[in-house]
Amino acid sequence: MANDAAAVLADFTATFDVTRDAAFTEATLLDLIDTLACGAAGADAEGVRELLSVTRDWGGKAEAALWFTGLRMPGPAAALYNGMLSHAVEYDDTHDLGVLHAGVTVIPAVIAAAERRERLSGAELLSAIATGVEVACRLALATRIGPGVSGWLLTPLCGTFGAAAGAARALGLDAERTVHAFGLAYAQVAGNGQATIDGGLSKRMQAGFAARSGLLGAVLASAGLTGARNVFEGTRGYYKVYHRGEYDRSALVDGLGEKLAVGDLSYKPYPCCRWTHAALEAAMDLRKRGVLPEKVARIDVAVNHQAYMSTGQPLADKQRPANVVTSQFSIPYAVSLAFNQGRVGLDDFKPNAIARPHIVALAERVSVGAIDDWSASGSRGISPARVSVMMHDGQHVESEVLVPTGTGRDSGTSGLIRRKLIDCCGHGGIATAAASSLLAELDALPSTADAVPLFNRLPIVDAGRSDA
């Protein structure tokens, strides 16, 4: 066999220049803006303030920023906090075919690495983000067994390697040292979907664990430590150990640099699992056609098997979410919001909001099932959805959404993400003027000689300041 894919990906990581193509640069910048937006919105999410308290109690070298707090901590602690912060409200990017979130693992690790290095141009920072996202997404795309079947979560598994790649690039490692960063990351890689079923806050922490592990792998490699070399295709490499050897090597290494995965990311219009989006948009369509909650006797939602496993069962738990994490991964809850309100927003995923009687009452009339044809032809990627409603008067109506909105190639995505930053900053109590100033600095990043100071002067979110 040719060299392990680790060597191929390491060479790409060490040499690729995102600024050679304006479209690559803009796509990478959008992911950075979106990730920071989600971070601004996440400061008051369950678990984030508790993690902040633990992090402050441990203390340590003031090396890297805890975003939107005004605090600085050791790089691994910052990567963990910023990864959780940006993932907590379930509003962050997705690679729909890869079935993972990329920015929330890669970007915290890249920025912490840049802060450790103390100076890094905006172009190099964006190149580090782009290469890290590429590695994470290609690893996810290459596996033939999706997370809804395997039980793994690809965000932390593949994101650990993406974070290692991005951090290695930000630290200026050559290809040889980057291979060792992958090997040291492999020694730490983990992540599973049980928390999405049980509603554990560890679901949102796993992005931070991946960012921390990837950063640590890169920093240790820079210090001369070594890891496995045949990381992905060895006898006990990643694909054999984690994915039963079921992977497509061409998806992993072919055409590197010709097209970037960061340009294929989707950006969520709703702060809940992407697998709920087609169903809630079908519900919104029916609401616009006059189907209101008081008219509804029963709602049947059909999706593919992976969406069903992740957001449709156990049905009783999804109909009446016991906690915010479960509500973020519930088709019945999302569909009820859509029918009742015609919109789904950040304030709908808070402890008091998920217990609203009229929302729960309609959610309890929603059932979810899997369509075999969709499961066979689209077991990876974001599921279509068919919402069928039986009304009290006996009338039957339905709506089907094959692809929900939010793909990176949707017209207007650039403007929507920039407005999302302003809105999410507002959610965190940041004044519009301060948010607009941050956006202007981010837009200037590609030509900035030193990007590091920007992350040390992020505006402070109220929730971060109140945890003093």
Protein backbone atom coordinates (compact mmCIF):
# COMPACT_ATOMS: atom_id res chain seq x y z
CA MET A 1 0.00 0.00 0.00
CA ALA A 2 1.05 3.58 -0.50
CA ASN A 3 2.01 5.70 2.46
CA ASP A 4 -0.54 5.83 5.24
CA ALA A 5 -3.02 8.63 4.65
CA ALA A 6 -1.48 10.40 7.65
CA ALA A 7 1.58 11.27 5.57
CA VAL A 8 -0.52 12.56 2.68
CA LEU A 9 -2.73 14.67 4.93
CA ALA A 10 0.27 15.97 6.86
CA ASP A 11 1.97 17.17 3.69
CA PHE A 12 -1.21 18.96 2.64
CA THR A 13 -1.59 20.48 6.11
CA ALA A 14 1.94 21.85 6.18
CA THR A 15 1.88 23.43 2.72
CA PHE A 16 -1.62 24.47 1.62
CA ASP A 17 -2.26 28.21 1.19
CA VAL A 18 -5.94 29.10 1.47
CA THR A 19 -5.39 32.61 0.11
CA ARG A 20 -4.55 31.29 -3.36
CA ASP A 21 -8.29 31.32 -4.04
CA ALA A 22 -10.61 34.12 -2.90
CA ALA A 23 -13.53 31.67 -2.62
CA PHE A 24 -11.51 29.42 -0.30
CA THR A 25 -10.60 32.42 1.84
CA GLU A 26 -14.18 33.66 2.12
CA ALA A 27 -15.53 30.19 2.93
CA THR A 28 -12.98 29.78 5.73
CA LEU A 29 -13.68 33.24 7.10
CA LEU A 30 -17.41 32.46 7.18
CA ASP A 31 -16.77 29.39 9.32
CA LEU A 32 -14.72 31.47 11.74
CA ILE A 33 -17.45 34.13 11.96
CA ASP A 34 -20.15 31.49 12.48
CA THR A 35 -18.16 29.69 15.18
CA LEU A 36 -17.58 32.91 17.10
CA ALA A 37 -21.26 33.78 16.72
CA CYS A 38 -22.20 30.47 18.30
CA GLY A 39 -19.69 31.14 21.07
CA ALA A 40 -21.29 34.49 21.85
CA ALA A 41 -24.68 32.79 22.09
CA GLY A 42 -23.39 29.91 24.20
CA ALA A 43 -22.11 31.71 27.27
CA ASP A 44 -25.37 31.26 29.20
CA ALA A 45 -25.96 27.67 28.07
CA GLU A 46 -26.16 24.92 30.66
CA GLY A 47 -22.75 23.62 31.64
CA VAL A 48 -20.72 26.47 30.19
CA ARG A 49 -20.62 28.58 33.32
CA GLU A 50 -19.85 25.50 35.39
CA LEU A 51 -16.91 24.68 33.12
CA LEU A 52 -15.77 28.30 33.36
CA SER A 53 -15.83 28.07 37.15
CA VAL A 54 -13.75 24.88 37.17
CA THR A 55 -11.31 26.35 34.66
CA ARG A 56 -10.84 29.50 36.70
CA ASP A 57 -10.38 27.46 39.86
CA TRP A 58 -7.58 25.45 38.25
CA GLY A 59 -5.98 28.58 36.82
CA GLY A 60 -2.56 28.41 35.19
CA LYS A 61 -0.50 30.22 32.59
CA ALA A 62 -2.34 33.13 30.97
CA GLU A 63 -1.67 31.88 27.44
CA ALA A 64 -4.92 31.81 25.49
CA ALA A 65 -8.25 33.61 25.63
CA LEU A 66 -11.47 32.15 26.98
CA TRP A 67 -13.67 33.75 24.35
CA PHE A 68 -15.99 36.56 25.39
CA THR A 69 -14.88 36.46 29.06
CA GLY A 70 -11.80 38.68 29.12
CA LEU A 71 -9.90 35.81 30.80
CA ARG A 72 -6.78 33.95 29.70
CA MET A 73 -5.79 30.40 30.66
CA PRO A 74 -3.44 27.64 29.48
CA GLY A 75 -4.01 26.68 25.85
CA PRO A 76 -5.58 23.24 26.48
CA ALA A 77 -8.05 24.76 28.96
CA ALA A 78 -8.95 27.48 26.48
CA ALA A 79 -9.47 24.96 23.66
CA LEU A 80 -11.78 22.89 25.87
CA TYR A 81 -13.79 25.89 27.03
CA ASN A 82 -14.08 27.53 23.61
CA GLY A 83 -15.03 24.26 21.95
CA MET A 84 -17.83 23.63 24.42
CA LEU A 85 -18.91 27.27 24.34
CA SER A 86 -19.34 27.26 20.56
CA HIS A 87 -21.10 23.89 20.43
CA ALA A 88 -23.42 24.31 23.41
CA VAL A 89 -26.39 25.90 21.66
CA GLU A 90 -26.31 23.41 18.73
CA TYR A 91 -26.16 26.29 16.23
CA ASP A 92 -22.75 25.61 14.70
CA ASP A 93 -21.71 24.49 11.22
CA THR A 94 -22.34 21.03 9.82
CA HIS A 95 -20.90 19.06 6.96
CA ASP A 96 -24.13 17.43 5.89
CA LEU A 97 -22.60 14.45 4.06
CA GLY A 98 -19.83 13.98 6.58
CA VAL A 99 -22.32 14.24 9.47
CA LEU A 100 -20.13 16.30 11.75
CA HIS A 101 -19.47 19.79 13.08
CA ALA A 102 -15.99 20.93 12.04
CA GLY A 103 -15.42 24.51 13.16
CA VAL A 104 -16.05 23.94 16.87
CA THR A 105 -13.21 21.42 17.14
CA VAL A 106 -10.71 22.96 14.74
CA ILE A 107 -11.02 26.70 15.35
CA PRO A 108 -10.53 26.70 19.16
CA ALA A 109 -7.40 24.58 18.71
CA VAL A 110 -6.03 26.77 15.92
CA ILE A 111 -6.53 30.00 17.84
CA ALA A 112 -5.02 28.57 21.04
CA ALA A 113 -2.00 27.39 19.02
CA ALA A 114 -1.66 30.82 17.40
CA GLU A 115 -1.74 32.43 20.83
CA ARG A 116 0.95 30.04 22.03
CA ARG A 117 3.07 31.08 19.06
CA GLU A 118 2.20 34.71 19.97
CA ARG A 119 2.10 36.00 16.40
CA LEU A 120 0.40 34.66 13.26
CA SER A 121 -0.85 36.44 10.16
CA GLY A 122 -4.51 36.34 9.26
CA ALA A 123 -3.68 34.44 6.07
CA GLU A 124 -1.81 31.76 8.02
CA LEU A 125 -4.58 31.55 10.61
CA LEU A 126 -7.16 30.98 7.88
CA SER A 127 -4.92 28.42 6.18
CA ALA A 128 -4.66 26.54 9.48
CA ILE A 129 -8.44 26.56 9.90
CA ALA A 130 -9.02 25.43 6.30
CA THR A 131 -6.58 22.54 6.53
CA GLY A 132 -7.95 21.42 9.89
CA VAL A 133 -11.51 21.46 8.60
CA GLU A 134 -10.40 19.57 5.50
CA VAL A 135 -8.80 16.80 7.53
CA ALA A 136 -11.79 16.46 9.85
CA CYS A 137 -14.33 16.37 7.04
CA ARG A 138 -12.38 13.99 4.82
CA LEU A 139 -11.97 11.55 7.68
CA ALA A 140 -15.73 11.66 8.24
CA LEU A 141 -16.61 11.38 4.55
CA ALA A 142 -14.33 8.38 4.13
CA THR A 143 -16.04 6.17 6.69
CA ARG A 144 -18.84 4.06 5.26
CA ILE A 145 -20.62 3.62 8.59
CA GLY A 146 -22.58 6.66 9.73
CA PRO A 147 -22.82 7.78 13.36
CA GLY A 148 -26.51 6.95 13.64
CA VAL A 149 -25.56 3.30 13.07
CA SER A 150 -22.12 3.02 14.67
CA GLY A 151 -22.84 5.02 17.82
CA TRP A 152 -19.67 7.07 17.40
CA LEU A 153 -19.92 10.82 17.07
CA LEU A 154 -17.76 11.95 14.17
CA THR A 155 -17.50 15.50 15.49
CA PRO A 156 -15.10 14.53 18.32
CA LEU A 157 -13.52 11.54 16.56
CA CYS A 158 -12.63 13.24 13.29
CA GLY A 159 -12.48 16.65 14.92
CA THR A 160 -9.59 15.57 17.14
CA PHE A 161 -7.47 14.94 14.05
CA GLY A 162 -8.74 18.14 12.40
CA ALA A 163 -7.79 20.08 15.52
CA ALA A 164 -4.35 18.46 15.50
CA ALA A 165 -3.87 19.41 11.84
CA GLY A 166 -5.00 22.99 12.33
CA ALA A 167 -2.94 23.46 15.48
CA ALA A 168 0.13 21.91 13.82
CA ARG A 169 -0.19 24.35 10.94
CA ALA A 170 -0.65 27.30 13.30
CA LEU A 171 2.48 26.23 15.19
CA GLY A 172 4.46 26.02 11.95
CA LEU A 173 5.16 22.27 12.09
CA ASP A 174 6.53 20.52 9.03
CA ALA A 175 4.91 17.40 7.56
CA GLU A 176 7.05 15.01 9.64
CA ARG A 177 6.08 16.64 12.93
CA THR A 178 2.44 16.86 11.77
CA VAL A 179 2.35 13.07 11.33
CA HIS A 180 3.38 12.78 14.97
CA ALA A 181 0.70 15.30 15.92
CA PHE A 182 -1.82 12.94 14.30
CA GLY A 183 -0.31 9.99 16.17
CA LEU A 184 -0.45 11.76 19.50
CA ALA A 185 -4.02 12.85 18.79
CA TYR A 186 -4.93 9.26 17.92
CA ALA A 187 -3.81 8.19 21.39
CA GLN A 188 -6.56 10.43 22.80
CA VAL A 189 -9.39 10.20 20.27
CA ALA A 190 -12.86 9.42 21.62
CA GLY A 191 -16.51 10.40 21.31
CA ASN A 192 -19.90 8.69 21.35
CA GLY A 193 -23.56 9.48 20.94
CA GLN A 194 -24.93 8.10 24.21
CA ALA A 195 -25.16 11.59 25.68
CA THR A 196 -27.56 12.63 22.91
CA ILE A 197 -29.85 9.80 24.03
CA ASP A 198 -29.46 10.43 27.75
CA GLY A 199 -29.46 14.22 27.47
CA GLY A 200 -26.05 14.60 29.10
CA LEU A 201 -24.15 17.87 28.96
CA SER A 202 -21.14 15.82 27.91
CA LYS A 203 -22.64 15.96 24.39
CA ARG A 204 -21.67 19.61 24.07
CA MET A 205 -18.35 19.06 25.85
CA GLN A 206 -17.06 16.55 23.31
CA ALA A 207 -16.21 19.26 20.78
CA GLY A 208 -14.05 20.88 23.46
CA PHE A 209 -12.42 17.56 24.37
CA ALA A 210 -11.48 17.12 20.70
CA ALA A 211 -10.09 20.66 20.41
CA ARG A 212 -8.01 20.15 23.55
CA SER A 213 -6.71 16.75 22.46
CA GLY A 214 -5.78 17.95 18.99
CA LEU A 215 -3.99 20.99 20.37
CA LEU A 216 -2.13 18.85 22.90
CA GLY A 217 -1.07 16.43 20.17
CA ALA A 218 0.37 19.26 18.08
CA VAL A 219 2.14 20.94 21.00
CA LEU A 220 3.67 17.65 22.15
CA ALA A 221 4.81 16.91 18.59
CA SER A 222 6.42 20.33 18.42
CA ALA A 223 8.36 19.44 21.58
CA GLY A 224 9.75 16.29 19.93
CA LEU A 225 7.40 13.60 21.25
CA THR A 226 6.40 10.88 18.80
CA GLY A 227 3.19 9.04 18.06
CA ALA A 228 2.02 6.24 15.79
CA ARG A 229 2.85 6.86 12.12
CA ASN A 230 0.34 4.56 10.42
CA VAL A 231 -2.43 6.42 12.15
CA PHE A 232 -5.34 5.88 9.79
CA GLU A 233 -4.60 2.70 7.82
CA GLY A 234 -2.31 0.69 10.06
CA THR A 235 -3.08 -2.76 11.44
CA ARG A 236 -4.45 -1.04 14.53
CA GLY A 237 -5.10 2.27 12.84
CA TYR A 238 -8.14 4.48 13.16
CA TYR A 239 -10.30 2.92 10.46
CA LYS A 240 -9.74 -0.68 11.55
CA VAL A 241 -10.22 0.05 15.23
CA TYR A 242 -13.10 2.52 15.04
CA HIS A 243 -14.87 1.71 11.75
CA ARG A 244 -14.31 -2.04 11.16
CA GLY A 245 -12.07 -1.23 8.21
CA GLU A 246 -15.04 0.20 6.29
CA TYR A 247 -13.71 3.31 4.56
CA ASP A 248 -13.02 4.81 1.14
CA ARG A 249 -9.38 5.83 0.75
CA SER A 250 -10.09 7.95 -2.30
CA ALA A 251 -12.43 10.15 -0.28
CA LEU A 252 -9.63 10.59 2.20
CA VAL A 253 -6.73 11.65 -0.02
CA ASP A 254 -7.74 12.25 -3.64
CA GLY A 255 -7.84 15.79 -4.98
CA LEU A 256 -6.52 17.51 -1.87
CA GLY A 257 -6.53 21.26 -2.37
CA GLU A 258 -8.64 21.20 -5.53
CA LYS A 259 -11.87 21.79 -3.62
CA LEU A 260 -12.22 22.51 0.08
CA ALA A 261 -14.70 20.92 2.47
CA VAL A 262 -15.04 24.27 4.23
CA GLY A 263 -16.90 25.47 1.13
CA ASP A 264 -19.42 22.65 1.53
CA LEU A 265 -20.34 23.38 5.13
CA SER A 266 -23.92 24.18 6.02
CA TYR A 267 -24.82 26.89 8.51
CA LYS A 268 -27.80 26.31 10.73
CA PRO A 269 -30.80 28.62 10.58
CA TYR A 270 -32.15 26.90 13.73
CA PRO A 271 -30.28 26.02 16.97
CA CYS A 272 -31.03 22.30 17.05
CA CYS A 273 -29.76 19.11 15.48
CA ARG A 274 -29.52 19.36 11.70
CA TRP A 275 -31.48 16.10 11.41
CA THR A 276 -34.56 17.92 12.71
CA HIS A 277 -34.43 20.74 10.16
CA ALA A 278 -36.23 19.15 7.22
CA ALA A 279 -39.09 18.09 9.49
CA LEU A 280 -39.51 21.48 11.12
CA GLU A 281 -39.41 23.23 7.74
CA ALA A 282 -42.11 20.90 6.44
CA ALA A 283 -44.14 21.80 9.54
CA MET A 284 -43.60 25.50 8.86
CA ASP A 285 -44.84 24.99 5.32
CA LEU A 286 -48.02 23.36 6.59
CA ARG A 287 -48.55 26.15 9.10
CA LYS A 288 -48.34 28.67 6.26
CA ARG A 289 -51.03 26.62 4.50
CA GLY A 290 -53.35 27.06 7.48
CA VAL A 291 -52.60 23.96 9.54
CA LEU A 292 -52.66 25.29 13.09
CA PRO A 293 -52.15 23.29 16.32
CA GLU A 294 -55.79 23.40 17.40
CA LYS A 295 -56.77 21.65 14.16
CA VAL A 296 -54.28 18.80 14.50
CA ALA A 297 -55.24 15.32 15.72
CA ARG A 298 -52.03 13.49 14.82
CA ILE A 299 -48.69 14.21 13.13
CA ASP A 300 -46.57 11.48 11.50
CA VAL A 301 -42.99 12.34 10.53
CA ALA A 302 -40.93 10.13 8.23
CA VAL A 303 -37.13 10.46 7.97
CA ASN A 304 -34.18 8.19 7.18
CA HIS A 305 -32.88 5.65 9.65
CA GLN A 306 -30.02 7.74 10.99
CA ALA A 307 -32.23 10.74 11.67
CA TYR A 308 -34.79 8.44 13.31
CA MET A 309 -32.19 6.85 15.57
CA SER A 310 -30.74 10.21 16.64
CA THR A 311 -33.81 12.46 16.88
CA GLY A 312 -36.90 10.24 16.79
CA GLN A 313 -36.47 7.69 19.54
CA PRO A 314 -37.12 6.81 22.32
CA LEU A 315 -40.34 8.49 21.24
CA ALA A 316 -41.71 9.26 24.71
CA ASP A 317 -38.47 11.01 25.66
CA LYS A 318 -38.48 13.05 22.45
CA GLN A 319 -42.14 14.03 22.88
CA ARG A 320 -41.54 15.36 26.38
CA PRO A 321 -37.86 16.35 26.64
CA ALA A 322 -36.58 16.19 30.19
CA ASN A 323 -33.66 18.51 29.51
CA VAL A 324 -32.31 20.97 26.97
CA VAL A 325 -29.95 18.51 25.27
CA THR A 326 -32.81 16.12 24.56
CA SER A 327 -34.91 18.99 23.18
CA GLN A 328 -32.09 19.89 20.79
CA PHE A 329 -32.24 16.35 19.41
CA SER A 330 -36.00 15.93 19.21
CA ILE A 331 -38.07 15.93 16.02
CA PRO A 332 -41.37 16.03 17.98
CA TYR A 333 -40.24 19.10 19.92
CA ALA A 334 -38.93 20.90 16.83
CA VAL A 335 -42.08 20.14 14.85
CA SER A 336 -44.26 21.39 17.69
CA LEU A 337 -42.29 24.65 17.84
CA ALA A 338 -42.71 25.10 14.10
CA PHE A 339 -46.47 24.53 14.14
CA ASN A 340 -47.04 26.64 17.23
CA GLN A 341 -44.77 29.59 16.43
CA GLY A 342 -43.71 29.45 12.82
CA ARG A 343 -40.13 29.98 14.01
CA VAL A 344 -37.45 28.24 16.08
CA GLY A 345 -34.85 30.25 18.00
CA LEU A 346 -32.29 30.27 20.78
CA ASP A 347 -34.81 31.05 23.51
CA ASP A 348 -36.76 27.88 22.68
CA PHE A 349 -33.95 25.73 24.06
CA LYS A 350 -33.84 26.77 27.68
CA PRO A 351 -35.10 24.81 30.72
CA ASN A 352 -38.30 26.82 31.16
CA ALA A 353 -39.05 26.93 27.43
CA ILE A 354 -38.99 23.19 26.87
CA ALA A 355 -41.69 22.66 29.54
CA ARG A 356 -44.30 25.01 28.02
CA PRO A 357 -47.61 23.08 28.16
CA HIS A 358 -48.86 23.97 24.69
CA ILE A 359 -45.55 22.96 23.09
CA VAL A 360 -45.45 19.66 24.95
CA ALA A 361 -49.12 18.95 24.18
CA LEU A 362 -48.56 19.08 20.43
CA ALA A 363 -45.22 17.26 20.62
CA GLU A 364 -47.06 14.36 22.25
CA ARG A 365 -49.16 14.05 19.09
CA VAL A 366 -46.05 13.60 16.91
CA SER A 367 -44.76 10.16 15.95
CA VAL A 368 -41.55 9.47 14.02
CA GLY A 369 -40.66 6.62 11.70
CA ALA A 370 -37.99 5.67 9.16
CA ILE A 371 -38.52 5.27 5.41
CA ASP A 372 -36.58 2.30 4.04
CA ASP A 373 -35.87 3.85 0.63
CA TRP A 374 -34.41 7.01 2.21
CA SER A 375 -32.39 4.89 4.61
CA ALA A 376 -30.90 2.79 1.80
CA SER A 377 -30.04 5.65 -0.55
CA GLY A 378 -29.24 8.35 1.97
CA SER A 379 -27.92 6.69 5.10
CA ARG A 380 -25.28 9.42 5.27
CA GLY A 381 -26.09 13.08 5.13
CA ILE A 382 -29.01 15.12 6.29
CA SER A 383 -32.31 13.33 6.04
CA PRO A 384 -35.30 14.45 4.01
CA ALA A 385 -38.57 14.58 5.92
CA ARG A 386 -42.24 14.03 5.19
CA VAL A 387 -44.72 15.48 7.68
CA SER A 388 -48.25 14.07 7.44
CA VAL A 389 -51.06 15.61 9.48
CA MET A 390 -54.43 14.14 10.27
CA MET A 391 -56.82 16.91 11.29
CA HIS A 392 -59.72 16.67 13.70
CA ASP A 393 -62.15 17.08 10.79
CA GLY A 394 -60.66 14.03 9.02
CA GLN A 395 -58.71 16.01 6.45
CA HIS A 396 -55.20 14.76 5.67
CA VAL A 397 -52.39 17.06 4.49
CA GLU A 398 -48.66 16.59 4.13
CA SER A 399 -45.46 18.39 3.20
CA GLU A 400 -42.09 17.02 2.16
CA VAL A 401 -38.69 18.73 2.37
CA LEU A 402 -35.83 16.93 0.64
CA VAL A 403 -33.03 19.37 1.53
CA PRO A 404 -33.42 21.89 4.37
CA THR A 405 -32.11 25.43 4.02
CA GLY A 406 -28.69 26.42 5.26
CA THR A 407 -26.27 24.81 2.83
CA GLY A 408 -23.10 26.82 2.33
CA ARG A 409 -23.94 27.32 -1.32
CA ASP A 410 -27.34 28.87 -0.64
CA SER A 411 -27.56 32.38 -2.01
CA GLY A 412 -27.25 34.95 0.74
CA THR A 413 -25.27 32.69 3.10
CA SER A 414 -22.52 35.27 3.55
CA GLY A 415 -24.91 37.99 4.66
CA LEU A 416 -26.88 35.61 6.86
CA ILE A 417 -23.79 34.51 8.78
CA ARG A 418 -22.63 38.06 9.30
CA ARG A 419 -26.08 39.00 10.63
CA LYS A 420 -25.99 35.87 12.78
CA LEU A 421 -22.87 37.20 14.52
CA ILE A 422 -24.64 40.47 15.33
CA ASP A 423 -27.75 38.61 16.56
CA CYS A 424 -25.83 36.09 18.67
CA CYS A 425 -23.75 38.84 20.23
CA GLY A 426 -26.99 40.61 21.08
CA HIS A 427 -28.27 37.42 22.68
CA GLY A 428 -25.19 37.54 24.88
CA GLY A 429 -25.76 41.16 25.84
CA ILE A 430 -23.06 42.61 23.55
CA ALA A 431 -23.99 45.99 22.09
CA THR A 432 -24.57 46.16 18.34
CA ALA A 433 -21.73 48.65 17.94
CA ALA A 434 -19.25 46.29 19.61
CA ALA A 435 -20.49 43.35 17.54
CA SER A 436 -20.22 45.38 14.34
CA SER A 437 -16.67 46.39 15.25
CA LEU A 438 -15.76 42.73 15.79
CA LEU A 439 -17.25 41.82 12.42
CA ALA A 440 -15.21 44.54 10.70
CA GLU A 441 -12.02 43.19 12.27
CA LEU A 442 -12.87 39.67 11.18
CA ASP A 443 -13.56 40.81 7.63
CA ALA A 444 -10.11 42.42 7.55
CA LEU A 445 -8.42 39.25 8.80
CA PRO A 446 -7.08 37.94 5.45
CA SER A 447 -4.78 40.95 5.15
CA THR A 448 -3.97 41.32 8.86
CA ALA A 449 -0.27 40.99 9.71
CA ASP A 450 -0.96 39.59 13.17
CA ALA A 451 -4.35 38.04 13.92
CA VAL A 452 -3.62 37.03 17.52
CA PRO A 453 -4.55 40.30 19.31
CA LEU A 454 -8.09 40.15 17.93
CA PHE A 455 -8.97 37.19 20.12
CA ASN A 456 -7.65 38.88 23.22
CA ARG A 457 -10.05 41.78 22.86
CA LEU A 458 -13.31 39.99 22.10
CA PRO A 459 -16.23 41.80 23.74
CA ILE A 460 -17.39 40.36 27.04
CA VAL A 461 -20.70 38.51 27.24
CA ASP A 462 -22.82 39.16 30.32
CA ALA A 463 -22.95 35.50 31.31
CA GLY A 464 -19.17 35.26 31.35
CA ARG A 465 -18.80 38.37 33.49
CA SER A 466 -21.55 37.29 35.91
CA ASP A 467 -19.70 34.10 36.83
CA ALA A 468 -17.14 36.04 38.79
